[in-house]
Amino acid sequence: MFLGLYNYWIMVVLMMIGFYIVIAHGNLVKKIVGLTIFQTSVFIFYISISNIDGGTAPILAEGISRYSNPLPHVLILTAIVVGIATTALGLALAMRIKEAYGSIEEEEIQQRDNREC
């Protein structure tokens, strides 16, 4: 029973790894990597729930009675593109923060901000 649901187990493990990285680390680049891992787990989950056993591509042919809906897969492709763009933006912001503060560690940035106020 549990072996047939391996993709859901992979999704849960990736989600928890990504969540742990975001919560536990103060490095901004590590947080971005954690968010990317978390996002990948959501993609796997969405594709897993959209899978139909015995379903084929939605092409009309004789003898085919079950079709898979291509919409979830197309939406995930769009989400991947958006994810790449937001990851690139996050990394660019991390570079600008490094230039402005001299560090990408969250605690050091907060300490510097508190000293300047």
PDB file of N, CA and C in Angstrom:
ATOM      1  N   MET A   1       0.830  -1.193   0.000  1.00  0.00           N
ATOM      2  CA  MET A   1       0.000   0.000   0.000  1.00  0.00           C
ATOM      3  C   MET A   1       0.875   1.258   0.000  1.00  0.00           C
ATOM      4  N   PHE A   2       1.891   1.306   0.859  1.00  0.00           N
ATOM      5  CA  PHE A   2       2.721   2.504   0.936  1.00  0.00           C
ATOM      6  C   PHE A   2       3.659   2.637  -0.246  1.00  0.00           C
ATOM      7  N   LEU A   3       4.042   1.504  -0.849  1.00  0.00           N
ATOM      8  CA  LEU A   3       4.961   1.567  -1.979  1.00  0.00           C
ATOM      9  C   LEU A   3       4.302   2.159  -3.207  1.00  0.00           C
ATOM     10  N   GLY A   4       3.000   2.005  -3.341  1.00  0.00           N
ATOM     11  CA  GLY A   4       2.295   2.562  -4.481  1.00  0.00           C
ATOM     12  C   GLY A   4       2.139   4.072  -4.407  1.00  0.00           C
ATOM     13  N   LEU A   5       2.385   4.624  -3.244  1.00  0.00           N
ATOM     14  CA  LEU A   5       2.229   6.065  -3.047  1.00  0.00           C
ATOM     15  C   LEU A   5       3.576   6.757  -2.888  1.00  0.00           C
ATOM     16  N   TYR A   6       4.599   6.216  -3.515  1.00  0.00           N
ATOM     17  CA  TYR A   6       5.950   6.741  -3.327  1.00  0.00           C
ATOM     18  C   TYR A   6       6.085   8.192  -3.773  1.00  0.00           C
ATOM     19  N   ASN A   7       5.362   8.600  -4.802  1.00  0.00           N
ATOM     20  CA  ASN A   7       5.479   9.990  -5.250  1.00  0.00           C
ATOM     21  C   ASN A   7       4.946  10.963  -4.191  1.00  0.00           C
ATOM     22  N   TYR A   8       3.943  10.544  -3.419  1.00  0.00           N
ATOM     23  CA  TYR A   8       3.450  11.400  -2.347  1.00  0.00           C
ATOM     24  C   TYR A   8       4.454  11.473  -1.203  1.00  0.00           C
ATOM     25  N   TRP A   9       5.118  10.361  -0.924  1.00  0.00           N
ATOM     26  CA  TRP A   9       6.153  10.363   0.116  1.00  0.00           C
ATOM     27  C   TRP A   9       7.321  11.257  -0.293  1.00  0.00           C
ATOM     28  N   ILE A  10       7.711  11.194  -1.551  1.00  0.00           N
ATOM     29  CA  ILE A  10       8.777  12.066  -2.044  1.00  0.00           C
ATOM     30  C   ILE A  10       8.355  13.525  -1.914  1.00  0.00           C
ATOM     31  N   MET A  11       7.109  13.796  -2.232  1.00  0.00           N
ATOM     32  CA  MET A  11       6.591  15.157  -2.137  1.00  0.00           C
ATOM     33  C   MET A  11       6.637  15.652  -0.692  1.00  0.00           C
ATOM     34  N   VAL A  12       6.220  14.829   0.249  1.00  0.00           N
ATOM     35  CA  VAL A  12       6.215  15.229   1.659  1.00  0.00           C
ATOM     36  C   VAL A  12       7.643  15.469   2.158  1.00  0.00           C
ATOM     37  N   VAL A  13       8.567  14.579   1.788  1.00  0.00           N
ATOM     38  CA  VAL A  13       9.955  14.737   2.221  1.00  0.00           C
ATOM     39  C   VAL A  13      10.562  16.017   1.649  1.00  0.00           C
ATOM     40  N   LEU A  14      10.344  16.276   0.359  1.00  0.00           N
ATOM     41  CA  LEU A  14      10.867  17.506  -0.241  1.00  0.00           C
ATOM     42  C   LEU A  14      10.251  18.745   0.390  1.00  0.00           C
ATOM     43  N   MET A  15       8.962  18.685   0.689  1.00  0.00           N
ATOM     44  CA  MET A  15       8.295  19.827   1.293  1.00  0.00           C
ATOM     45  C   MET A  15       8.871  20.118   2.675  1.00  0.00           C
ATOM     46  N   MET A  16       9.086  19.085   3.459  1.00  0.00           N
ATOM     47  CA  MET A  16       9.626  19.282   4.802  1.00  0.00           C
ATOM     48  C   MET A  16      11.089  19.746   4.762  1.00  0.00           C
ATOM     49  N   ILE A  17      11.866  19.231   3.808  1.00  0.00           N
ATOM     50  CA  ILE A  17      13.252  19.689   3.658  1.00  0.00           C
ATOM     51  C   ILE A  17      13.278  21.170   3.291  1.00  0.00           C
ATOM     52  N   GLY A  18      12.474  21.560   2.318  1.00  0.00           N
ATOM     53  CA  GLY A  18      12.418  22.960   1.911  1.00  0.00           C
ATOM     54  C   GLY A  18      11.943  23.860   3.033  1.00  0.00           C
ATOM     55  N   PHE A  19      10.930  23.421   3.763  1.00  0.00           N
ATOM     56  CA  PHE A  19      10.404  24.210   4.875  1.00  0.00           C
ATOM     57  C   PHE A  19      11.444  24.352   5.978  1.00  0.00           C
ATOM     58  N   TYR A  20      12.166  23.271   6.286  1.00  0.00           N
ATOM     59  CA  TYR A  20      13.204  23.311   7.302  1.00  0.00           C
ATOM     60  C   TYR A  20      14.320  24.281   6.906  1.00  0.00           C
ATOM     61  N   ILE A  21      14.726  24.238   5.658  1.00  0.00           N
ATOM     62  CA  ILE A  21      15.795  25.131   5.199  1.00  0.00           C
ATOM     63  C   ILE A  21      15.367  26.592   5.334  1.00  0.00           C
ATOM     64  N   VAL A  22      14.140  26.902   4.989  1.00  0.00           N
ATOM     65  CA  VAL A  22      13.660  28.284   5.078  1.00  0.00           C
ATOM     66  C   VAL A  22      13.609  28.749   6.538  1.00  0.00           C
ATOM     67  N   ILE A  23      13.173  27.876   7.429  1.00  0.00           N
ATOM     68  CA  ILE A  23      13.014  28.259   8.831  1.00  0.00           C
ATOM     69  C   ILE A  23      14.351  28.279   9.573  1.00  0.00           C
ATOM     70  N   ALA A  24      15.219  27.296   9.328  1.00  0.00           N
ATOM     71  CA  ALA A  24      16.399  27.091  10.161  1.00  0.00           C
ATOM     72  C   ALA A  24      17.602  27.940   9.766  1.00  0.00           C
ATOM     73  N   HIS A  25      17.711  28.341   8.531  1.00  0.00           N
ATOM     74  CA  HIS A  25      18.911  29.032   8.075  1.00  0.00           C
ATOM     75  C   HIS A  25      18.672  30.533   7.950  1.00  0.00           C
ATOM     76  N   GLY A  26      19.715  31.300   8.263  1.00  0.00           N
ATOM     77  CA  GLY A  26      19.627  32.752   8.158  1.00  0.00           C
ATOM     78  C   GLY A  26      20.233  33.302   6.883  1.00  0.00           C
ATOM     79  N   ASN A  27      20.894  32.454   6.115  1.00  0.00           N
ATOM     80  CA  ASN A  27      21.514  32.860   4.866  1.00  0.00           C
ATOM     81  C   ASN A  27      20.431  33.036   3.806  1.00  0.00           C
ATOM     82  N   LEU A  28      20.426  34.175   3.142  1.00  0.00           N
ATOM     83  CA  LEU A  28      19.356  34.465   2.182  1.00  0.00           C
ATOM     84  C   LEU A  28      19.384  33.527   0.975  1.00  0.00           C
ATOM     85  N   VAL A  29      20.565  33.153   0.514  1.00  0.00           N
ATOM     86  CA  VAL A  29      20.651  32.249  -0.638  1.00  0.00           C
ATOM     87  C   VAL A  29      20.117  30.864  -0.257  1.00  0.00           C
ATOM     88  N   LYS A  30      20.429  30.410   0.960  1.00  0.00           N
ATOM     89  CA  LYS A  30      19.907  29.125   1.420  1.00  0.00           C
ATOM     90  C   LYS A  30      18.387  29.161   1.525  1.00  0.00           C
ATOM     91  N   LYS A  31      17.851  30.291   1.950  1.00  0.00           N
ATOM     92  CA  LYS A  31      16.392  30.432   2.006  1.00  0.00           C
ATOM     93  C   LYS A  31      15.766  30.347   0.607  1.00  0.00           C
ATOM     94  N   ILE A  32      16.409  30.936  -0.369  1.00  0.00           N
ATOM     95  CA  ILE A  32      15.907  30.871  -1.743  1.00  0.00           C
ATOM     96  C   ILE A  32      15.947  29.430  -2.254  1.00  0.00           C
ATOM     97  N   VAL A  33      17.028  28.722  -1.944  1.00  0.00           N
ATOM     98  CA  VAL A  33      17.123  27.308  -2.340  1.00  0.00           C
ATOM     99  C   VAL A  33      16.033  26.494  -1.644  1.00  0.00           C
ATOM    100  N   GLY A  34      15.778  26.767  -0.365  1.00  0.00           N
ATOM    101  CA  GLY A  34      14.714  26.077   0.355  1.00  0.00           C
ATOM    102  C   GLY A  34      13.344  26.332  -0.259  1.00  0.00           C
ATOM    103  N   LEU A  35      13.088  27.562  -0.652  1.00  0.00           N
ATOM    104  CA  LEU A  35      11.814  27.874  -1.313  1.00  0.00           C
ATOM    105  C   LEU A  35      11.683  27.154  -2.655  1.00  0.00           C
ATOM    106  N   THR A  36      12.789  27.022  -3.367  1.00  0.00           N
ATOM    107  CA  THR A  36      12.769  26.313  -4.648  1.00  0.00           C
ATOM    108  C   THR A  36      12.482  24.832  -4.441  1.00  0.00           C
ATOM    109  N   ILE A  37      13.072  24.239  -3.410  1.00  0.00           N
ATOM    110  CA  ILE A  37      12.791  22.828  -3.104  1.00  0.00           C
ATOM    111  C   ILE A  37      11.325  22.661  -2.708  1.00  0.00           C
ATOM    112  N   PHE A  38      10.819  23.560  -1.890  1.00  0.00           N
ATOM    113  CA  PHE A  38       9.412  23.526  -1.494  1.00  0.00           C
ATOM    114  C   PHE A  38       8.501  23.641  -2.717  1.00  0.00           C
ATOM    115  N   GLN A  39       8.849  24.532  -3.604  1.00  0.00           N
ATOM    116  CA  GLN A  39       8.061  24.738  -4.822  1.00  0.00           C
ATOM    117  C   GLN A  39       8.066  23.478  -5.689  1.00  0.00           C
ATOM    118  N   THR A  40       9.201  22.805  -5.776  1.00  0.00           N
ATOM    119  CA  THR A  40       9.291  21.568  -6.549  1.00  0.00           C
ATOM    120  C   THR A  40       8.371  20.503  -5.970  1.00  0.00           C
ATOM    121  N   SER A  41       8.276  20.443  -4.653  1.00  0.00           N
ATOM    122  CA  SER A  41       7.373  19.458  -4.042  1.00  0.00           C
ATOM    123  C   SER A  41       5.914  19.752  -4.392  1.00  0.00           C
ATOM    124  N   VAL A  42       5.568  21.016  -4.486  1.00  0.00           N
ATOM    125  CA  VAL A  42       4.195  21.369  -4.879  1.00  0.00           C
ATOM    126  C   VAL A  42       3.934  20.952  -6.326  1.00  0.00           C
ATOM    127  N   PHE A  43       4.929  21.120  -7.196  1.00  0.00           N
ATOM    128  CA  PHE A  43       4.778  20.667  -8.587  1.00  0.00           C
ATOM    129  C   PHE A  43       4.543  19.165  -8.646  1.00  0.00           C
ATOM    130  N   ILE A  44       5.333  18.415  -7.898  1.00  0.00           N
ATOM    131  CA  ILE A  44       5.184  16.955  -7.884  1.00  0.00           C
ATOM    132  C   ILE A  44       3.806  16.574  -7.370  1.00  0.00           C
ATOM    133  N   PHE A  45       3.341  17.247  -6.326  1.00  0.00           N
ATOM    134  CA  PHE A  45       2.015  16.950  -5.791  1.00  0.00           C
ATOM    135  C   PHE A  45       0.925  17.221  -6.814  1.00  0.00           C
ATOM    136  N   TYR A  46       0.987  18.357  -7.459  1.00  0.00           N
ATOM    137  CA  TYR A  46      -0.053  18.730  -8.418  1.00  0.00           C
ATOM    138  C   TYR A  46      -0.082  17.767  -9.602  1.00  0.00           C
ATOM    139  N   ILE A  47       1.081  17.362 -10.082  1.00  0.00           N
ATOM    140  CA  ILE A  47       1.127  16.410 -11.188  1.00  0.00           C
ATOM    141  C   ILE A  47       0.648  15.037 -10.736  1.00  0.00           C
ATOM    142  N   SER A  48       0.965  14.653  -9.499  1.00  0.00           N
ATOM    143  CA  SER A  48       0.558  13.345  -8.984  1.00  0.00           C
ATOM    144  C   SER A  48      -0.957  13.223  -8.874  1.00  0.00           C
ATOM    145  N   ILE A  49      -1.601  14.271  -8.395  1.00  0.00           N
ATOM    146  CA  ILE A  49      -3.057  14.175  -8.243  1.00  0.00           C
ATOM    147  C   ILE A  49      -3.786  14.291  -9.577  1.00  0.00           C
ATOM    148  N   SER A  50      -3.115  14.780 -10.600  1.00  0.00           N
ATOM    149  CA  SER A  50      -3.779  14.912 -11.895  1.00  0.00           C
ATOM    150  C   SER A  50      -3.612  13.669 -12.766  1.00  0.00           C
ATOM    151  N   ASN A  51      -2.822  12.713 -12.308  1.00  0.00           N
ATOM    152  CA  ASN A  51      -2.594  11.496 -13.083  1.00  0.00           C
ATOM    153  C   ASN A  51      -3.821  10.591 -13.031  1.00  0.00           C
ATOM    154  N   ILE A  52      -4.192  10.038 -14.172  1.00  0.00           N
ATOM    155  CA  ILE A  52      -5.317   9.103 -14.265  1.00  0.00           C
ATOM    156  C   ILE A  52      -4.772   7.759 -14.717  1.00  0.00           C
ATOM    157  N   ASP A  53      -5.047   6.716 -13.938  1.00  0.00           N
ATOM    158  CA  ASP A  53      -4.587   5.383 -14.311  1.00  0.00           C
ATOM    159  C   ASP A  53      -5.274   4.939 -15.596  1.00  0.00           C
ATOM    160  N   GLY A  54      -4.481   4.555 -16.559  1.00  0.00           N
ATOM    161  CA  GLY A  54      -5.013   4.096 -17.830  1.00  0.00           C
ATOM    162  C   GLY A  54      -5.417   5.211 -18.768  1.00  0.00           C
ATOM    163  N   GLY A  55      -5.190   6.445 -18.383  1.00  0.00           N
ATOM    164  CA  GLY A  55      -5.555   7.582 -19.226  1.00  0.00           C
ATOM    165  C   GLY A  55      -4.519   7.812 -20.311  1.00  0.00           C
ATOM    166  N   THR A  56      -4.966   8.263 -21.459  1.00  0.00           N
ATOM    167  CA  THR A  56      -4.062   8.549 -22.576  1.00  0.00           C
ATOM    168  C   THR A  56      -4.186  10.019 -22.950  1.00  0.00           C
ATOM    169  N   ALA A  57      -3.375  10.430 -23.888  1.00  0.00           N
ATOM    170  CA  ALA A  57      -3.430  11.806 -24.378  1.00  0.00           C
ATOM    171  C   ALA A  57      -4.799  12.059 -25.009  1.00  0.00           C
ATOM    172  N   PRO A  58      -5.315  13.268 -24.905  1.00  0.00           N
ATOM    173  CA  PRO A  58      -6.653  13.562 -25.427  1.00  0.00           C
ATOM    174  C   PRO A  58      -6.681  13.672 -26.954  1.00  0.00           C
ATOM    175  N   ILE A  59      -6.402  12.562 -27.595  1.00  0.00           N
ATOM    176  CA  ILE A  59      -6.460  12.477 -29.048  1.00  0.00           C
ATOM    177  C   ILE A  59      -7.564  11.483 -29.382  1.00  0.00           C
ATOM    178  N   LEU A  60      -8.493  11.909 -30.206  1.00  0.00           N
ATOM    179  CA  LEU A  60      -9.612  11.032 -30.538  1.00  0.00           C
ATOM    180  C   LEU A  60      -9.141   9.853 -31.382  1.00  0.00           C
ATOM    181  N   ALA A  61      -9.393   8.678 -30.871  1.00  0.00           N
ATOM    182  CA  ALA A  61      -9.053   7.446 -31.577  1.00  0.00           C
ATOM    183  C   ALA A  61     -10.011   6.363 -31.111  1.00  0.00           C
ATOM    184  N   GLU A  62     -10.150   5.347 -31.928  1.00  0.00           N
ATOM    185  CA  GLU A  62     -11.058   4.261 -31.570  1.00  0.00           C
ATOM    186  C   GLU A  62     -10.451   3.392 -30.479  1.00  0.00           C
ATOM    187  N   GLY A  63     -11.297   2.913 -29.586  1.00  0.00           N
ATOM    188  CA  GLY A  63     -10.860   2.016 -28.537  1.00  0.00           C
ATOM    189  C   GLY A  63     -10.328   2.701 -27.288  1.00  0.00           C
ATOM    190  N   ILE A  64     -10.293   4.018 -27.277  1.00  0.00           N
ATOM    191  CA  ILE A  64      -9.804   4.733 -26.101  1.00  0.00           C
ATOM    192  C   ILE A  64     -11.005   5.324 -25.372  1.00  0.00           C
ATOM    193  N   SER A  65     -11.111   4.994 -24.084  1.00  0.00           N
ATOM    194  CA  SER A  65     -12.253   5.484 -23.325  1.00  0.00           C
ATOM    195  C   SER A  65     -11.854   6.428 -22.188  1.00  0.00           C
ATOM    196  N   ARG A  66     -10.579   6.405 -21.782  1.00  0.00           N
ATOM    197  CA  ARG A  66     -10.133   7.264 -20.686  1.00  0.00           C
ATOM    198  C   ARG A  66      -9.062   8.222 -21.195  1.00  0.00           C
ATOM    199  N   TYR A  67      -9.301   9.475 -20.956  1.00  0.00           N
ATOM    200  CA  TYR A  67      -8.364  10.501 -21.385  1.00  0.00           C
ATOM    201  C   TYR A  67      -7.817  11.240 -20.157  1.00  0.00           C
ATOM    202  N   SER A  68      -6.588  11.682 -20.258  1.00  0.00           N
ATOM    203  CA  SER A  68      -5.984  12.522 -19.221  1.00  0.00           C
ATOM    204  C   SER A  68      -6.198  13.979 -19.591  1.00  0.00           C
ATOM    205  N   ASN A  69      -6.434  14.785 -18.581  1.00  0.00           N
ATOM    206  CA  ASN A  69      -6.607  16.208 -18.804  1.00  0.00           C
ATOM    207  C   ASN A  69      -5.223  16.861 -18.894  1.00  0.00           C
ATOM    208  N   PRO A  70      -4.892  17.520 -19.996  1.00  0.00           N
ATOM    209  CA  PRO A  70      -3.563  18.133 -20.117  1.00  0.00           C
ATOM    210  C   PRO A  70      -3.435  19.466 -19.377  1.00  0.00           C
ATOM    211  N   LEU A  71      -4.527  20.032 -18.907  1.00  0.00           N
ATOM    212  CA  LEU A  71      -4.483  21.350 -18.276  1.00  0.00           C
ATOM    213  C   LEU A  71      -3.570  21.419 -17.047  1.00  0.00           C
ATOM    214  N   PRO A  72      -3.614  20.457 -16.111  1.00  0.00           N
ATOM    215  CA  PRO A  72      -2.704  20.561 -14.956  1.00  0.00           C
ATOM    216  C   PRO A  72      -1.234  20.568 -15.358  1.00  0.00           C
ATOM    217  N   HIS A  73      -0.872  19.802 -16.366  1.00  0.00           N
ATOM    218  CA  HIS A  73       0.521  19.754 -16.799  1.00  0.00           C
ATOM    219  C   HIS A  73       0.934  21.076 -17.451  1.00  0.00           C
ATOM    220  N   VAL A  74       0.028  21.678 -18.179  1.00  0.00           N
ATOM    221  CA  VAL A  74       0.318  22.975 -18.789  1.00  0.00           C
ATOM    222  C   VAL A  74       0.452  24.049 -17.713  1.00  0.00           C
ATOM    223  N   LEU A  75      -0.396  23.983 -16.695  1.00  0.00           N
ATOM    224  CA  LEU A  75      -0.302  24.944 -15.602  1.00  0.00           C
ATOM    225  C   LEU A  75       1.014  24.800 -14.840  1.00  0.00           C
ATOM    226  N   ILE A  76       1.483  23.561 -14.678  1.00  0.00           N
ATOM    227  CA  ILE A  76       2.750  23.341 -13.996  1.00  0.00           C
ATOM    228  C   ILE A  76       3.903  23.889 -14.837  1.00  0.00           C
ATOM    229  N   LEU A  77       3.836  23.741 -16.153  1.00  0.00           N
ATOM    230  CA  LEU A  77       4.874  24.335 -17.003  1.00  0.00           C
ATOM    231  C   LEU A  77       4.929  25.848 -16.809  1.00  0.00           C
ATOM    232  N   THR A  78       3.768  26.465 -16.728  1.00  0.00           N
ATOM    233  CA  THR A  78       3.716  27.905 -16.485  1.00  0.00           C
ATOM    234  C   THR A  78       4.275  28.233 -15.105  1.00  0.00           C
ATOM    235  N   ALA A  79       3.937  27.424 -14.107  1.00  0.00           N
ATOM    236  CA  ALA A  79       4.432  27.654 -12.748  1.00  0.00           C
ATOM    237  C   ALA A  79       5.950  27.484 -12.675  1.00  0.00           C
ATOM    238  N   ILE A  80       6.500  26.566 -13.457  1.00  0.00           N
ATOM    239  CA  ILE A  80       7.954  26.382 -13.479  1.00  0.00           C
ATOM    240  C   ILE A  80       8.631  27.634 -14.027  1.00  0.00           C
ATOM    241  N   VAL A  81       8.076  28.194 -15.083  1.00  0.00           N
ATOM    242  CA  VAL A  81       8.647  29.419 -15.654  1.00  0.00           C
ATOM    243  C   VAL A  81       8.566  30.564 -14.654  1.00  0.00           C
ATOM    244  N   VAL A  82       7.437  30.703 -13.989  1.00  0.00           N
ATOM    245  CA  VAL A  82       7.292  31.754 -12.981  1.00  0.00           C
ATOM    246  C   VAL A  82       8.252  31.504 -11.824  1.00  0.00           C
ATOM    247  N   GLY A  83       8.423  30.236 -11.431  1.00  0.00           N
ATOM    248  CA  GLY A  83       9.345  29.899 -10.354  1.00  0.00           C
ATOM    249  C   GLY A  83      10.782  30.241 -10.687  1.00  0.00           C
ATOM    250  N   ILE A  84      11.182  29.989 -11.908  1.00  0.00           N
ATOM    251  CA  ILE A  84      12.539  30.343 -12.328  1.00  0.00           C
ATOM    252  C   ILE A  84      12.723  31.861 -12.291  1.00  0.00           C
ATOM    253  N   ALA A  85      11.715  32.585 -12.737  1.00  0.00           N
ATOM    254  CA  ALA A  85      11.812  34.044 -12.733  1.00  0.00           C
ATOM    255  C   ALA A  85      11.887  34.592 -11.307  1.00  0.00           C
ATOM    256  N   THR A  86      11.077  34.073 -10.397  1.00  0.00           N
ATOM    257  CA  THR A  86      11.116  34.563  -9.023  1.00  0.00           C
ATOM    258  C   THR A  86      12.406  34.159  -8.317  1.00  0.00           C
ATOM    259  N   THR A  87      12.941  32.984  -8.641  1.00  0.00           N
ATOM    260  CA  THR A  87      14.227  32.583  -8.075  1.00  0.00           C
ATOM    261  C   THR A  87      15.338  33.506  -8.565  1.00  0.00           C
ATOM    262  N   ALA A  88      15.321  33.827  -9.839  1.00  0.00           N
ATOM    263  CA  ALA A  88      16.320  34.750 -10.386  1.00  0.00           C
ATOM    264  C   ALA A  88      16.187  36.128  -9.737  1.00  0.00           C
ATOM    265  N   LEU A  89      14.962  36.598  -9.536  1.00  0.00           N
ATOM    266  CA  LEU A  89      14.749  37.885  -8.873  1.00  0.00           C
ATOM    267  C   LEU A  89      15.245  37.848  -7.430  1.00  0.00           C
ATOM    268  N   GLY A  90      14.958  36.761  -6.734  1.00  0.00           N
ATOM    269  CA  GLY A  90      15.430  36.620  -5.358  1.00  0.00           C
ATOM    270  C   GLY A  90      16.943  36.623  -5.268  1.00  0.00           C
ATOM    271  N   LEU A  91      17.602  35.929  -6.189  1.00  0.00           N
ATOM    272  CA  LEU A  91      19.064  35.924  -6.198  1.00  0.00           C
ATOM    273  C   LEU A  91      19.631  37.294  -6.542  1.00  0.00           C
ATOM    274  N   ALA A  92      18.966  38.000  -7.454  1.00  0.00           N
ATOM    275  CA  ALA A  92      19.409  39.362  -7.779  1.00  0.00           C
ATOM    276  C   ALA A  92      19.252  40.287  -6.573  1.00  0.00           C
ATOM    277  N   LEU A  93      18.156  40.137  -5.837  1.00  0.00           N
ATOM    278  CA  LEU A  93      17.977  40.934  -4.626  1.00  0.00           C
ATOM    279  C   LEU A  93      19.018  40.577  -3.569  1.00  0.00           C
ATOM    280  N   ALA A  94      19.357  39.297  -3.464  1.00  0.00           N
ATOM    281  CA  ALA A  94      20.395  38.878  -2.514  1.00  0.00           C
ATOM    282  C   ALA A  94      21.737  39.509  -2.879  1.00  0.00           C
ATOM    283  N   MET A  95      22.023  39.613  -4.168  1.00  0.00           N
ATOM    284  CA  MET A  95      23.262  40.272  -4.595  1.00  0.00           C
ATOM    285  C   MET A  95      23.256  41.758  -4.205  1.00  0.00           C
ATOM    286  N   ARG A  96      22.136  42.422  -4.405  1.00  0.00           N
ATOM    287  CA  ARG A  96      22.041  43.848  -4.049  1.00  0.00           C
ATOM    288  C   ARG A  96      22.146  44.039  -2.538  1.00  0.00           C
ATOM    289  N   ILE A  97      21.561  43.133  -1.776  1.00  0.00           N
ATOM    290  CA  ILE A  97      21.670  43.211  -0.318  1.00  0.00           C
ATOM    291  C   ILE A  97      23.118  43.004   0.106  1.00  0.00           C
ATOM    292  N   LYS A  98      23.809  42.083  -0.550  1.00  0.00           N
ATOM    293  CA  LYS A  98      25.228  41.850  -0.251  1.00  0.00           C
ATOM    294  C   LYS A  98      26.047  43.113  -0.533  1.00  0.00           C
ATOM    295  N   GLU A  99      25.746  43.797  -1.640  1.00  0.00           N
ATOM    296  CA  GLU A  99      26.455  45.040  -1.959  1.00  0.00           C
ATOM    297  C   GLU A  99      26.152  46.136  -0.938  1.00  0.00           C
ATOM    298  N   ALA A 100      24.907  46.220  -0.500  1.00  0.00           N
ATOM    299  CA  ALA A 100      24.506  47.300   0.402  1.00  0.00           C
ATOM    300  C   ALA A 100      24.939  47.047   1.847  1.00  0.00           C
ATOM    301  N   TYR A 101      24.837  45.813   2.311  1.00  0.00           N
ATOM    302  CA  TYR A 101      25.105  45.507   3.714  1.00  0.00           C
ATOM    303  C   TYR A 101      26.413  44.757   3.944  1.00  0.00           C
ATOM    304  N   GLY A 102      27.000  44.206   2.903  1.00  0.00           N
ATOM    305  CA  GLY A 102      28.234  43.453   3.059  1.00  0.00           C
ATOM    306  C   GLY A 102      28.040  42.048   3.555  1.00  0.00           C
ATOM    307  N   SER A 103      26.801  41.577   3.622  1.00  0.00           N
ATOM    308  CA  SER A 103      26.518  40.230   4.112  1.00  0.00           C
ATOM    309  C   SER A 103      25.157  39.784   3.591  1.00  0.00           C
ATOM    310  N   ILE A 104      24.966  38.475   3.557  1.00  0.00           N
ATOM    311  CA  ILE A 104      23.646  37.937   3.220  1.00  0.00           C
ATOM    312  C   ILE A 104      23.077  37.121   4.379  1.00  0.00           C
ATOM    313  N   GLU A 105      23.700  37.275   5.553  1.00  0.00           N
ATOM    314  CA  GLU A 105      23.185  36.636   6.763  1.00  0.00           C
ATOM    315  C   GLU A 105      22.127  37.538   7.387  1.00  0.00           C
ATOM    316  N   GLU A 106      20.988  36.967   7.683  1.00  0.00           N
ATOM    317  CA  GLU A 106      19.837  37.729   8.159  1.00  0.00           C
ATOM    318  C   GLU A 106      20.132  38.479   9.466  1.00  0.00           C
ATOM    319  N   GLU A 107      20.804  37.830  10.399  1.00  0.00           N
ATOM    320  CA  GLU A 107      21.090  38.468  11.692  1.00  0.00           C
ATOM    321  C   GLU A 107      22.028  39.666  11.543  1.00  0.00           C
ATOM    322  N   GLU A 108      23.037  39.534  10.693  1.00  0.00           N
ATOM    323  CA  GLU A 108      23.973  40.640  10.489  1.00  0.00           C
ATOM    324  C   GLU A 108      23.289  41.838   9.840  1.00  0.00           C
ATOM    325  N   ILE A 109      22.379  41.570   8.918  1.00  0.00           N
ATOM    326  CA  ILE A 109      21.634  42.664   8.272  1.00  0.00           C
ATOM    327  C   ILE A 109      20.740  43.365   9.279  1.00  0.00           C
ATOM    328  N   GLN A 110      20.069  42.596  10.139  1.00  0.00           N
ATOM    329  CA  GLN A 110      19.201  43.198  11.150  1.00  0.00           C
ATOM    330  C   GLN A 110      20.002  44.005  12.176  1.00  0.00           C
ATOM    331  N   GLN A 111      21.183  43.479  12.575  1.00  0.00           N
ATOM    332  CA  GLN A 111      22.025  44.212  13.512  1.00  0.00           C
ATOM    333  C   GLN A 111      22.490  45.541  12.917  1.00  0.00           C
ATOM    334  N   ARG A 112      22.847  45.496  11.657  1.00  0.00           N
ATOM    335  CA  ARG A 112      23.314  46.734  11.006  1.00  0.00           C
ATOM    336  C   ARG A 112      22.169  47.746  10.896  1.00  0.00           C
ATOM    337  N   ASP A 113      20.974  47.261  10.565  1.00  0.00           N
ATOM    338  CA  ASP A 113      19.825  48.161  10.498  1.00  0.00           C
ATOM    339  C   ASP A 113      19.513  48.764  11.867  1.00  0.00           C
ATOM    340  N   ASN A 114      19.614  47.961  12.932  1.00  0.00           N
ATOM    341  CA  ASN A 114      19.313  48.449  14.273  1.00  0.00           C
ATOM    342  C   ASN A 114      20.341  49.471  14.731  1.00  0.00           C
ATOM    343  N   ARG A 115      21.602  49.317  14.342  1.00  0.00           N
ATOM    344  CA  ARG A 115      22.637  50.279  14.702  1.00  0.00           C
ATOM    345  C   ARG A 115      22.430  51.608  13.991  1.00  0.00           C
ATOM    346  N   GLU A 116      21.950  51.581  12.764  1.00  0.00           N
ATOM    347  CA  GLU A 116      21.770  52.808  11.980  1.00  0.00           C
ATOM    348  C   GLU A 116      20.549  53.608  12.415  1.00  0.00           C
ATOM    349  N   CYS A 117      19.590  52.970  13.076  1.00  0.00           N
ATOM    350  CA  CYS A 117      18.359  53.678  13.472  1.00  0.00           C
ATOM    351  C   CYS A 117      18.538  54.500  14.671  1.00  0.00           C
TER     352      CYS A 117
END
